[in-house]
Amino acid sequence: MNSIVIIEDHPVMRKGLAAWFAGTGRWQVLGIAAGLAEARDLFAEMAALPDILLLDIQLSPEDGGAEDAIGLDIIPWLRERFGKTPPVVVYSQFDDYAHANAALGFGVRAYVCKSRDGEELEAVLHAALRGEVSIDKAVEPKFRNADYTQKLLTRREAEILRRLWEGQSNKHIASALGISLRTVENHLSRIYYKTGIASRADLRKM
């Protein structure tokens, strides 16, 4: 029997996942957490890490903050505290390139969309335990599109697009890159032209 910890901010989803895994008789649910602070407290009390961690990528704001917490931030904390992490599988409502690419950048073993049912999720978890890396089939084409798109762009345009995928505003991008707001807007116009995409929202969905 494999052990699992679940970090998920939606109470119905969190309890439902825990009940489903426990009900299979194939998984031992060592704990559930609604956010990063709760997850850190949970892991701090553990003598050993679970076999696998199921993680939501976007969690509710903590301590009355205005911005959502990033579930992926638990990964570097685990490495610092334990010197390693269990295999991490992200289970997310987002099926876009930006979220999946960010997750892979943190070293997660798999990225699964919440449109998948329990059996499909369990199959991915078992694959992750075998050392396999996988991306949800709904996201895979967007990786191919993103790779193709970035080949069309200059290095500066690709950097601006990456920052747009991360949710940065034009003003933030200009400040980070040390260029004017008008220059950012000009680069974005060329990105729209080269990709044939007409809106910022559609670019972020790639």
Protein backbone atom coordinates (compact mmCIF):
# COMPACT_ATOMS: atom_id res chain seq x y z
CA MET A 1 0.00 0.00 0.00
CA ASN A 2 1.37 3.40 -1.01
CA SER A 3 1.08 6.48 1.17
CA ILE A 4 -0.15 9.85 -0.08
CA VAL A 5 -0.57 13.43 1.15
CA ILE A 6 -3.13 15.70 -0.53
CA ILE A 7 -2.86 19.50 -0.67
CA GLU A 8 -6.06 20.99 -2.06
CA ASP A 9 -7.85 24.18 -0.98
CA HIS A 10 -11.38 23.27 -2.09
CA PRO A 11 -12.96 21.44 0.87
CA VAL A 12 -15.29 19.21 -1.16
CA MET A 13 -12.53 18.20 -3.57
CA ARG A 14 -10.04 17.68 -0.73
CA LYS A 15 -12.33 15.45 1.32
CA GLY A 16 -13.60 13.66 -1.75
CA LEU A 17 -10.10 12.78 -2.91
CA ALA A 18 -9.11 11.56 0.54
CA ALA A 19 -12.24 9.41 0.81
CA TRP A 20 -11.77 7.97 -2.68
CA PHE A 21 -8.13 7.01 -2.13
CA ALA A 22 -8.82 5.53 1.29
CA GLY A 23 -11.80 3.63 -0.10
CA THR A 24 -9.72 1.86 -2.75
CA GLY A 25 -7.78 -0.02 -0.08
CA ARG A 26 -4.65 0.64 -2.15
CA TRP A 27 -3.63 3.95 -0.59
CA GLN A 28 -2.89 5.18 2.90
CA VAL A 29 -3.83 8.87 3.22
CA LEU A 30 -1.28 10.25 5.68
CA GLY A 31 -2.84 13.69 5.73
CA ILE A 32 -4.65 16.44 3.89
CA ALA A 33 -3.99 20.18 3.90
CA ALA A 34 -5.90 23.17 2.61
CA GLY A 35 -2.93 25.49 2.17
CA LEU A 36 0.81 25.92 2.45
CA ALA A 37 0.93 26.77 6.16
CA GLU A 38 -1.21 23.76 7.00
CA ALA A 39 0.92 21.58 4.74
CA ARG A 40 4.15 22.71 6.39
CA ASP A 41 2.69 21.94 9.82
CA LEU A 42 1.57 18.52 8.58
CA PHE A 43 4.97 17.59 7.15
CA ALA A 44 6.79 18.96 10.21
CA GLU A 45 5.03 16.34 12.33
CA MET A 46 5.91 13.44 10.02
CA ALA A 47 8.75 11.06 10.75
CA ALA A 48 9.03 10.24 7.04
CA LEU A 49 7.76 11.63 3.77
CA PRO A 50 4.83 9.98 1.96
CA ASP A 51 5.40 7.89 -1.12
CA ILE A 52 3.75 10.59 -3.23
CA LEU A 53 2.32 14.10 -2.93
CA LEU A 54 -0.84 15.18 -4.78
CA LEU A 55 -0.81 18.95 -5.13
CA ASP A 56 -3.16 21.67 -6.36
CA ILE A 57 -1.18 24.37 -8.15
CA GLN A 58 -3.33 27.31 -7.04
CA LEU A 59 -4.41 27.62 -3.42
CA SER A 60 -6.53 30.18 -1.60
CA PRO A 61 -4.80 33.29 -0.20
CA GLU A 62 -3.25 32.84 3.24
CA ASP A 63 -3.22 35.18 6.24
CA GLY A 64 -5.80 37.46 4.69
CA GLY A 65 -3.66 38.15 1.64
CA ALA A 66 -5.12 39.31 -1.65
CA GLU A 67 -3.19 36.96 -3.94
CA ASP A 68 -3.61 33.21 -4.36
CA ALA A 69 -0.88 31.04 -2.90
CA ILE A 70 1.20 28.89 -5.24
CA GLY A 71 1.07 25.24 -4.23
CA LEU A 72 4.41 24.60 -5.95
CA ASP A 73 6.13 26.62 -3.22
CA ILE A 74 5.91 23.59 -0.93
CA ILE A 75 8.49 21.81 -3.11
CA PRO A 76 11.56 23.96 -2.29
CA TRP A 77 10.43 24.00 1.37
CA LEU A 78 10.42 20.19 1.43
CA ARG A 79 13.87 20.06 -0.18
CA GLU A 80 15.24 22.48 2.39
CA ARG A 81 13.72 20.65 5.35
CA PHE A 82 14.14 17.00 4.30
CA GLY A 83 16.84 17.21 1.65
CA LYS A 84 14.46 15.70 -0.89
CA THR A 85 10.82 15.57 -1.97
CA PRO A 86 8.47 12.69 -2.67
CA PRO A 87 7.31 12.39 -6.28
CA VAL A 88 4.88 15.27 -6.83
CA VAL A 89 1.80 15.05 -9.04
CA VAL A 90 -0.07 18.28 -9.77
CA TYR A 91 -3.86 17.90 -10.07
CA SER A 92 -5.12 21.18 -11.52
CA GLN A 93 -8.11 22.86 -13.10
CA PHE A 94 -5.75 24.66 -15.51
CA ASP A 95 -4.98 23.07 -18.87
CA ASP A 96 -2.72 25.81 -20.26
CA TYR A 97 0.96 25.76 -21.14
CA ALA A 98 2.03 28.36 -18.55
CA HIS A 99 0.80 26.46 -15.47
CA ALA A 100 2.03 23.09 -16.70
CA ASN A 101 5.42 24.46 -17.71
CA ALA A 102 5.81 26.16 -14.32
CA ALA A 103 5.02 22.88 -12.59
CA LEU A 104 7.59 20.96 -14.64
CA GLY A 105 10.11 23.66 -13.84
CA PHE A 106 9.69 22.81 -10.16
CA GLY A 107 10.45 19.18 -10.94
CA VAL A 108 7.00 17.64 -10.57
CA ARG A 109 6.61 14.11 -11.85
CA ALA A 110 3.23 14.63 -13.56
CA TYR A 111 0.64 17.27 -14.43
CA VAL A 112 -2.98 16.07 -14.51
CA CYS A 113 -6.15 18.06 -15.20
CA LYS A 114 -9.10 17.79 -12.82
CA SER A 115 -11.28 16.67 -15.70
CA ARG A 116 -9.71 13.22 -15.23
CA ASP A 117 -11.52 10.70 -13.04
CA GLY A 118 -10.14 8.76 -10.10
CA GLU A 119 -8.98 5.77 -12.13
CA GLU A 120 -7.10 7.97 -14.60
CA LEU A 121 -5.52 9.92 -11.77
CA GLU A 122 -4.49 6.73 -9.99
CA ALA A 123 -2.84 5.43 -13.17
CA VAL A 124 -0.76 8.61 -13.37
CA LEU A 125 0.22 8.29 -9.71
CA HIS A 126 1.45 4.74 -10.25
CA ALA A 127 3.41 5.88 -13.31
CA ALA A 128 4.97 8.66 -11.22
CA LEU A 129 5.97 6.13 -8.58
CA ARG A 130 7.74 4.18 -11.34
CA GLY A 131 9.72 7.29 -12.20
CA GLU A 132 7.77 8.25 -15.31
CA VAL A 133 7.12 11.91 -16.17
CA SER A 134 3.79 12.72 -17.84
CA ILE A 135 1.69 15.65 -18.98
CA ASP A 136 -2.08 15.56 -19.36
CA LYS A 137 -3.17 14.84 -22.92
CA ALA A 138 -5.18 18.09 -22.93
CA VAL A 139 -1.97 20.08 -22.33
CA GLU A 140 0.48 18.22 -24.60
CA PRO A 141 -0.60 19.99 -27.84
CA LYS A 142 -0.11 23.36 -26.15
CA PHE A 143 3.51 22.46 -25.42
CA ARG A 144 4.01 21.73 -29.11
CA ASN A 145 2.29 24.99 -30.07
CA ALA A 146 4.36 26.94 -27.55
CA ASP A 147 7.61 25.43 -28.86
CA TYR A 148 6.64 26.30 -32.44
CA THR A 149 5.54 29.80 -31.48
CA GLN A 150 8.77 30.60 -29.68
CA LYS A 151 10.78 29.60 -32.76
CA LEU A 152 9.01 32.43 -34.62
CA LEU A 153 9.98 35.03 -32.03
CA THR A 154 13.12 36.96 -31.27
CA ARG A 155 14.79 36.34 -27.90
CA ARG A 156 13.25 39.54 -26.48
CA GLU A 157 9.78 38.67 -27.79
CA ALA A 158 10.04 35.16 -26.32
CA GLU A 159 11.03 36.63 -22.95
CA ILE A 160 8.07 39.00 -22.97
CA LEU A 161 5.73 36.16 -23.94
CA ARG A 162 7.08 34.02 -21.09
CA ARG A 163 6.43 36.82 -18.62
CA LEU A 164 2.94 37.31 -20.04
CA TRP A 165 2.28 33.58 -19.47
CA GLU A 166 3.35 34.12 -15.86
CA GLY A 167 0.63 36.77 -15.48
CA GLN A 168 2.89 39.84 -15.41
CA SER A 169 1.42 43.17 -16.50
CA ASN A 170 3.00 45.28 -19.24
CA LYS A 171 4.21 47.72 -16.61
CA HIS A 172 5.81 44.93 -14.59
CA ILE A 173 7.49 43.51 -17.70
CA ALA A 174 8.87 46.92 -18.65
CA SER A 175 10.30 47.43 -15.17
CA ALA A 176 11.82 43.94 -14.99
CA LEU A 177 13.49 44.23 -18.39
CA GLY A 178 14.52 47.88 -18.06
CA ILE A 179 12.62 49.02 -21.15
CA SER A 180 9.78 51.46 -21.73
CA LEU A 181 6.11 50.53 -21.56
CA ARG A 182 5.78 51.57 -25.21
CA THR A 183 8.56 49.15 -26.17
CA VAL A 184 6.74 46.30 -24.43
CA GLU A 185 3.56 47.21 -26.30
CA ASN A 186 5.45 47.25 -29.63
CA HIS A 187 6.92 43.80 -28.92
CA LEU A 188 3.46 42.48 -28.05
CA SER A 189 2.07 43.83 -31.32
CA ARG A 190 4.71 41.87 -33.22
CA ILE A 191 3.94 38.75 -31.14
CA TYR A 192 0.24 39.07 -32.02
CA TYR A 193 1.14 39.47 -35.70
CA LYS A 194 3.55 36.49 -35.81
CA THR A 195 1.27 34.12 -33.91
CA GLY A 196 -2.00 35.22 -35.48
CA ILE A 197 -3.49 35.52 -31.99
CA ALA A 198 -5.54 38.64 -31.41
CA SER A 199 -5.77 39.01 -27.65
CA ARG A 200 -3.70 38.80 -24.50
CA ALA A 201 -6.19 36.36 -22.97
CA ASP A 202 -5.81 33.97 -25.92
CA LEU A 203 -2.01 34.17 -25.71
CA ARG A 204 -2.18 33.14 -22.07
CA LYS A 205 -4.33 30.11 -22.99
CA MET A 206 -1.65 28.65 -25.27
